[in-house]
Amino acid sequence: MEIIISDRRDLKIEDILALYQANEWSAAGKPSELHQGLLNSHSLYTAWEGDKLVGLGNAISDGYLVVYYPHFLVHPEYQGKGIGLRLLEKMQEKYGHFHMQVLTADGDTVEFYKKIGFKRAGETKSMWIYDGDEH
């Protein structure tokens, strides 16, 4: 079946939770906040196989200069099929000309993001107050 990339925002909590739980992301433990956070993103792109949500990416931005990509995830059964790249390409169509694009990468995702042009920002270190334990 074909994967469709969309900017539709009629996401159901159940669809979101299935994707986040499959990826073992702790944000699934706050379903209402996660749902509202995604819906209120500056941009939100989703990947669908039929009526199954198989990936998503969102952006928080000032709309002019800086964009931060907090969530890019693809269902584990669909990883390695170019879905993450397609989601990032949609973001680049909108934000590619911005002065700064930022994301946090760890584990296996570091090499993926390097391949598409992201690089470590000098000697910076990520800092956060985080309510999860998967990192």
C-alpha atoms as a PDB file:
ATOM      1  CA  MET A   1       0.000   0.000   0.000  1.00  0.00           C
ATOM      2  CA  GLU A   2       1.124   3.584  -0.647  1.00  0.00           C
ATOM      3  CA  ILE A   3       2.378   5.882   2.128  1.00  0.00           C
ATOM      4  CA  ILE A   4       0.751   9.319   2.011  1.00  0.00           C
ATOM      5  CA  ILE A   5       2.430  12.345   3.625  1.00  0.00           C
ATOM      6  CA  SER A   6      -0.120  14.889   4.806  1.00  0.00           C
ATOM      7  CA  ASP A   7      -0.517  18.003   6.901  1.00  0.00           C
ATOM      8  CA  ARG A   8      -3.865  16.807   8.207  1.00  0.00           C
ATOM      9  CA  ARG A   9      -4.565  17.601  11.821  1.00  0.00           C
ATOM     10  CA  ASP A  10      -7.566  15.396  12.480  1.00  0.00           C
ATOM     11  CA  LEU A  11      -5.413  13.061  14.517  1.00  0.00           C
ATOM     12  CA  LYS A  12      -7.053  10.852  17.089  1.00  0.00           C
ATOM     13  CA  ILE A  13      -5.341  10.266  20.408  1.00  0.00           C
ATOM     14  CA  GLU A  14      -5.525   6.520  19.773  1.00  0.00           C
ATOM     15  CA  ASP A  15      -3.528   6.842  16.524  1.00  0.00           C
ATOM     16  CA  ILE A  16      -0.889   8.989  18.189  1.00  0.00           C
ATOM     17  CA  LEU A  17      -0.579   6.699  21.202  1.00  0.00           C
ATOM     18  CA  ALA A  18      -0.147   3.607  19.034  1.00  0.00           C
ATOM     19  CA  LEU A  19       2.754   5.281  17.198  1.00  0.00           C
ATOM     20  CA  TYR A  20       4.428   6.638  20.341  1.00  0.00           C
ATOM     21  CA  GLN A  21       3.992   3.395  22.287  1.00  0.00           C
ATOM     22  CA  ALA A  22       5.425   1.360  19.397  1.00  0.00           C
ATOM     23  CA  ASN A  23       8.511   3.599  19.608  1.00  0.00           C
ATOM     24  CA  GLU A  24       8.531   3.452  23.437  1.00  0.00           C
ATOM     25  CA  TRP A  25       8.439   7.249  23.753  1.00  0.00           C
ATOM     26  CA  SER A  26       7.537   8.435  27.234  1.00  0.00           C
ATOM     27  CA  ALA A  27       5.319  11.235  25.864  1.00  0.00           C
ATOM     28  CA  ALA A  28       2.686   8.514  25.408  1.00  0.00           C
ATOM     29  CA  GLY A  29       2.237   8.697  29.186  1.00  0.00           C
ATOM     30  CA  LYS A  30       0.695  12.156  28.784  1.00  0.00           C
ATOM     31  CA  PRO A  31      -1.835  11.527  26.011  1.00  0.00           C
ATOM     32  CA  SER A  32      -3.896  14.699  26.299  1.00  0.00           C
ATOM     33  CA  GLU A  33      -0.835  16.959  26.474  1.00  0.00           C
ATOM     34  CA  LEU A  34       0.823  15.110  23.593  1.00  0.00           C
ATOM     35  CA  HIS A  35      -2.287  15.400  21.431  1.00  0.00           C
ATOM     36  CA  GLN A  36      -2.714  19.122  22.124  1.00  0.00           C
ATOM     37  CA  GLY A  37       0.997  19.796  21.719  1.00  0.00           C
ATOM     38  CA  LEU A  38       1.059  18.188  18.292  1.00  0.00           C
ATOM     39  CA  LEU A  39      -2.116  19.944  17.155  1.00  0.00           C
ATOM     40  CA  ASN A  40      -0.723  23.303  18.280  1.00  0.00           C
ATOM     41  CA  SER A  41       2.624  22.876  16.515  1.00  0.00           C
ATOM     42  CA  HIS A  42       3.688  25.472  13.966  1.00  0.00           C
ATOM     43  CA  SER A  43       3.774  22.604  11.440  1.00  0.00           C
ATOM     44  CA  LEU A  44       2.752  18.978  11.646  1.00  0.00           C
ATOM     45  CA  TYR A  45       3.226  16.404   8.908  1.00  0.00           C
ATOM     46  CA  THR A  46       1.937  12.873   9.175  1.00  0.00           C
ATOM     47  CA  ALA A  47       2.565   9.658   7.252  1.00  0.00           C
ATOM     48  CA  TRP A  48      -0.311   7.263   6.636  1.00  0.00           C
ATOM     49  CA  GLU A  49      -0.727   3.808   5.209  1.00  0.00           C
ATOM     50  CA  GLY A  50      -4.456   3.750   4.644  1.00  0.00           C
ATOM     51  CA  ASP A  51      -5.953   4.781   7.967  1.00  0.00           C
ATOM     52  CA  LYS A  52      -2.868   3.786   9.998  1.00  0.00           C
ATOM     53  CA  LEU A  53      -0.582   6.560  11.278  1.00  0.00           C
ATOM     54  CA  VAL A  54       2.934   5.287  10.550  1.00  0.00           C
ATOM     55  CA  GLY A  55       4.997   8.425  11.138  1.00  0.00           C
ATOM     56  CA  LEU A  56       4.977  12.096  12.039  1.00  0.00           C
ATOM     57  CA  GLY A  57       7.140  15.142  12.431  1.00  0.00           C
ATOM     58  CA  ASN A  58       6.335  18.480  14.022  1.00  0.00           C
ATOM     59  CA  ALA A  59       7.942  21.904  14.232  1.00  0.00           C
ATOM     60  CA  ILE A  60       7.913  24.736  16.735  1.00  0.00           C
ATOM     61  CA  SER A  61       8.953  28.025  15.185  1.00  0.00           C
ATOM     62  CA  ASP A  62       8.917  31.805  15.336  1.00  0.00           C
ATOM     63  CA  GLY A  63       7.843  31.585  11.689  1.00  0.00           C
ATOM     64  CA  TYR A  64      10.775  33.578  10.332  1.00  0.00           C
ATOM     65  CA  LEU A  65      14.218  32.727  11.620  1.00  0.00           C
ATOM     66  CA  VAL A  66      14.346  29.670  13.892  1.00  0.00           C
ATOM     67  CA  VAL A  67      12.655  26.293  13.842  1.00  0.00           C
ATOM     68  CA  TYR A  68      12.957  23.415  16.296  1.00  0.00           C
ATOM     69  CA  TYR A  69      11.903  19.885  15.389  1.00  0.00           C
ATOM     70  CA  PRO A  70      10.919  18.179  18.646  1.00  0.00           C
ATOM     71  CA  HIS A  71       9.327  14.991  17.287  1.00  0.00           C
ATOM     72  CA  PHE A  72      10.213  12.898  14.259  1.00  0.00           C
ATOM     73  CA  LEU A  73       9.203   9.289  14.570  1.00  0.00           C
ATOM     74  CA  VAL A  74       8.278   6.402  12.313  1.00  0.00           C
ATOM     75  CA  HIS A  75       6.594   3.201  13.429  1.00  0.00           C
ATOM     76  CA  PRO A  76       9.321   0.535  13.873  1.00  0.00           C
ATOM     77  CA  GLU A  77       7.669  -1.735  11.277  1.00  0.00           C
ATOM     78  CA  TYR A  78       8.014   1.062   8.682  1.00  0.00           C
ATOM     79  CA  GLN A  79      11.517   2.329   9.464  1.00  0.00           C
ATOM     80  CA  GLY A  80      14.117   2.160   6.713  1.00  0.00           C
ATOM     81  CA  LYS A  81      11.547   2.796   3.977  1.00  0.00           C
ATOM     82  CA  GLY A  82      12.243   6.508   3.457  1.00  0.00           C
ATOM     83  CA  ILE A  83       9.287   7.802   5.473  1.00  0.00           C
ATOM     84  CA  GLY A  84      11.417   9.833   7.877  1.00  0.00           C
ATOM     85  CA  LEU A  85      13.274  11.367   4.957  1.00  0.00           C
ATOM     86  CA  ARG A  86      10.005  12.295   3.247  1.00  0.00           C
ATOM     87  CA  LEU A  87       8.750  13.955   6.440  1.00  0.00           C
ATOM     88  CA  LEU A  88      11.977  15.947   6.728  1.00  0.00           C
ATOM     89  CA  GLU A  89      11.749  16.952   3.062  1.00  0.00           C
ATOM     90  CA  LYS A  90       8.314  18.459   3.772  1.00  0.00           C
ATOM     91  CA  MET A  91       9.846  20.443   6.630  1.00  0.00           C
ATOM     92  CA  GLN A  92      12.668  21.601   4.359  1.00  0.00           C
ATOM     93  CA  GLU A  93      10.162  22.894   1.816  1.00  0.00           C
ATOM     94  CA  LYS A  94       8.829  25.184   4.523  1.00  0.00           C
ATOM     95  CA  TYR A  95      11.870  25.910   6.698  1.00  0.00           C
ATOM     96  CA  GLY A  96      14.909  25.198   4.513  1.00  0.00           C
ATOM     97  CA  HIS A  97      15.662  28.915   4.102  1.00  0.00           C
ATOM     98  CA  PHE A  98      15.565  29.661   7.856  1.00  0.00           C
ATOM     99  CA  HIS A  99      18.678  30.905   9.641  1.00  0.00           C
ATOM    100  CA  MET A 100      18.640  28.034  12.154  1.00  0.00           C
ATOM    101  CA  GLN A 101      17.043  24.601  12.209  1.00  0.00           C
ATOM    102  CA  VAL A 102      17.495  22.674  15.451  1.00  0.00           C
ATOM    103  CA  LEU A 103      16.756  19.156  16.638  1.00  0.00           C
ATOM    104  CA  THR A 104      17.963  16.809  19.319  1.00  0.00           C
ATOM    105  CA  ALA A 105      19.347  13.496  18.085  1.00  0.00           C
ATOM    106  CA  ASP A 106      20.611  10.531  20.029  1.00  0.00           C
ATOM    107  CA  GLY A 107      21.446   6.906  19.443  1.00  0.00           C
ATOM    108  CA  ASP A 108      20.991   5.633  15.897  1.00  0.00           C
ATOM    109  CA  THR A 109      19.295   8.847  14.781  1.00  0.00           C
ATOM    110  CA  VAL A 110      22.545  10.837  14.874  1.00  0.00           C
ATOM    111  CA  GLU A 111      23.896   9.204  11.712  1.00  0.00           C
ATOM    112  CA  PHE A 112      20.534   9.540   9.942  1.00  0.00           C
ATOM    113  CA  TYR A 113      20.423  13.287  10.580  1.00  0.00           C
ATOM    114  CA  LYS A 114      24.078  13.734   9.581  1.00  0.00           C
ATOM    115  CA  LYS A 115      23.352  12.103   6.211  1.00  0.00           C
ATOM    116  CA  ILE A 116      20.712  14.715   5.447  1.00  0.00           C
ATOM    117  CA  GLY A 117      22.785  17.727   6.379  1.00  0.00           C
ATOM    118  CA  PHE A 118      22.477  18.265  10.121  1.00  0.00           C
ATOM    119  CA  LYS A 119      25.713  18.604  12.079  1.00  0.00           C
ATOM    120  CA  ARG A 120      26.752  19.064  15.648  1.00  0.00           C
ATOM    121  CA  ALA A 121      26.460  22.698  16.684  1.00  0.00           C
ATOM    122  CA  GLY A 122      30.034  23.522  17.655  1.00  0.00           C
ATOM    123  CA  GLU A 123      30.771  22.430  21.191  1.00  0.00           C
ATOM    124  CA  THR A 124      27.209  22.872  22.403  1.00  0.00           C
ATOM    125  CA  LYS A 125      25.653  20.350  24.747  1.00  0.00           C
ATOM    126  CA  SER A 126      21.962  19.599  24.951  1.00  0.00           C
ATOM    127  CA  MET A 127      20.478  20.642  28.267  1.00  0.00           C
ATOM    128  CA  TRP A 128      16.980  19.886  29.479  1.00  0.00           C
ATOM    129  CA  ILE A 129      14.605  19.187  32.270  1.00  0.00           C
ATOM    130  CA  TYR A 130      13.020  15.987  31.047  1.00  0.00           C
ATOM    131  CA  ASP A 131      10.187  13.876  32.400  1.00  0.00           C
ATOM    132  CA  GLY A 132      11.102  10.727  30.468  1.00  0.00           C
ATOM    133  CA  ASP A 133      13.639   7.957  30.889  1.00  0.00           C
ATOM    134  CA  GLU A 134      14.213   6.595  27.385  1.00  0.00           C
ATOM    135  CA  HIS A 135      17.414   8.602  26.748  1.00  0.00           C
END
